[in-house]
C-alpha cells in the first residue's frame, strides 16, 4: 500500500512541476524588439551617448511597463551579433553584461534609440517626461 502512495505522490509532483514550468514560461514579461540589433553607426552613436552617463532609464511602453526604472551603468560594451544566412553585420549594446534594446532606454530624459538614429521606432515616447506627465499615451489608448 505504501508503494501505491509513493507512486501517486511522484505522479502529482511531476504534474505540479510541469504546471509551474508552463506557468512561468507563459506569464514571464515579453519584451518587444525594435533596436536591440543595430548597424555599426547606430551602435557607435548610442555607445558614445551612454559612455558619458552614470545611469540610464528603462521604459518599454509596448511591453506595458507601468513606470520607468533607473539603473546604474557599471560596464558598457558593443558586441557583434552573429546572423545566419546574411552578410549584414549587426551589433548590440551591452550594459552591465546585458543586451539592451535602445528603443526602450532613455539618457538625460530622451529616447536613446531616437538620439542614435535607429529607425523605425514606434510606440514609445521621445521624452520620458512626456509619459510621466501624461502628455504621451500608448497608441492603443489614443
Foldseek 3Di string as FASTA:
>chain_A
DVVVVVVVVVVVVVVVVVVVVVVCVVPPQDADAQAQWAAPQLQVQLQVLPVVDQKKWFDGVVSVDPAIDIDGFDDKDKAWDDDPPDPGIIIFIAGPNHTDRQQGIGDPQARSSVSSVRPDRDQDDRGRVCVVVVVDDGPVVD
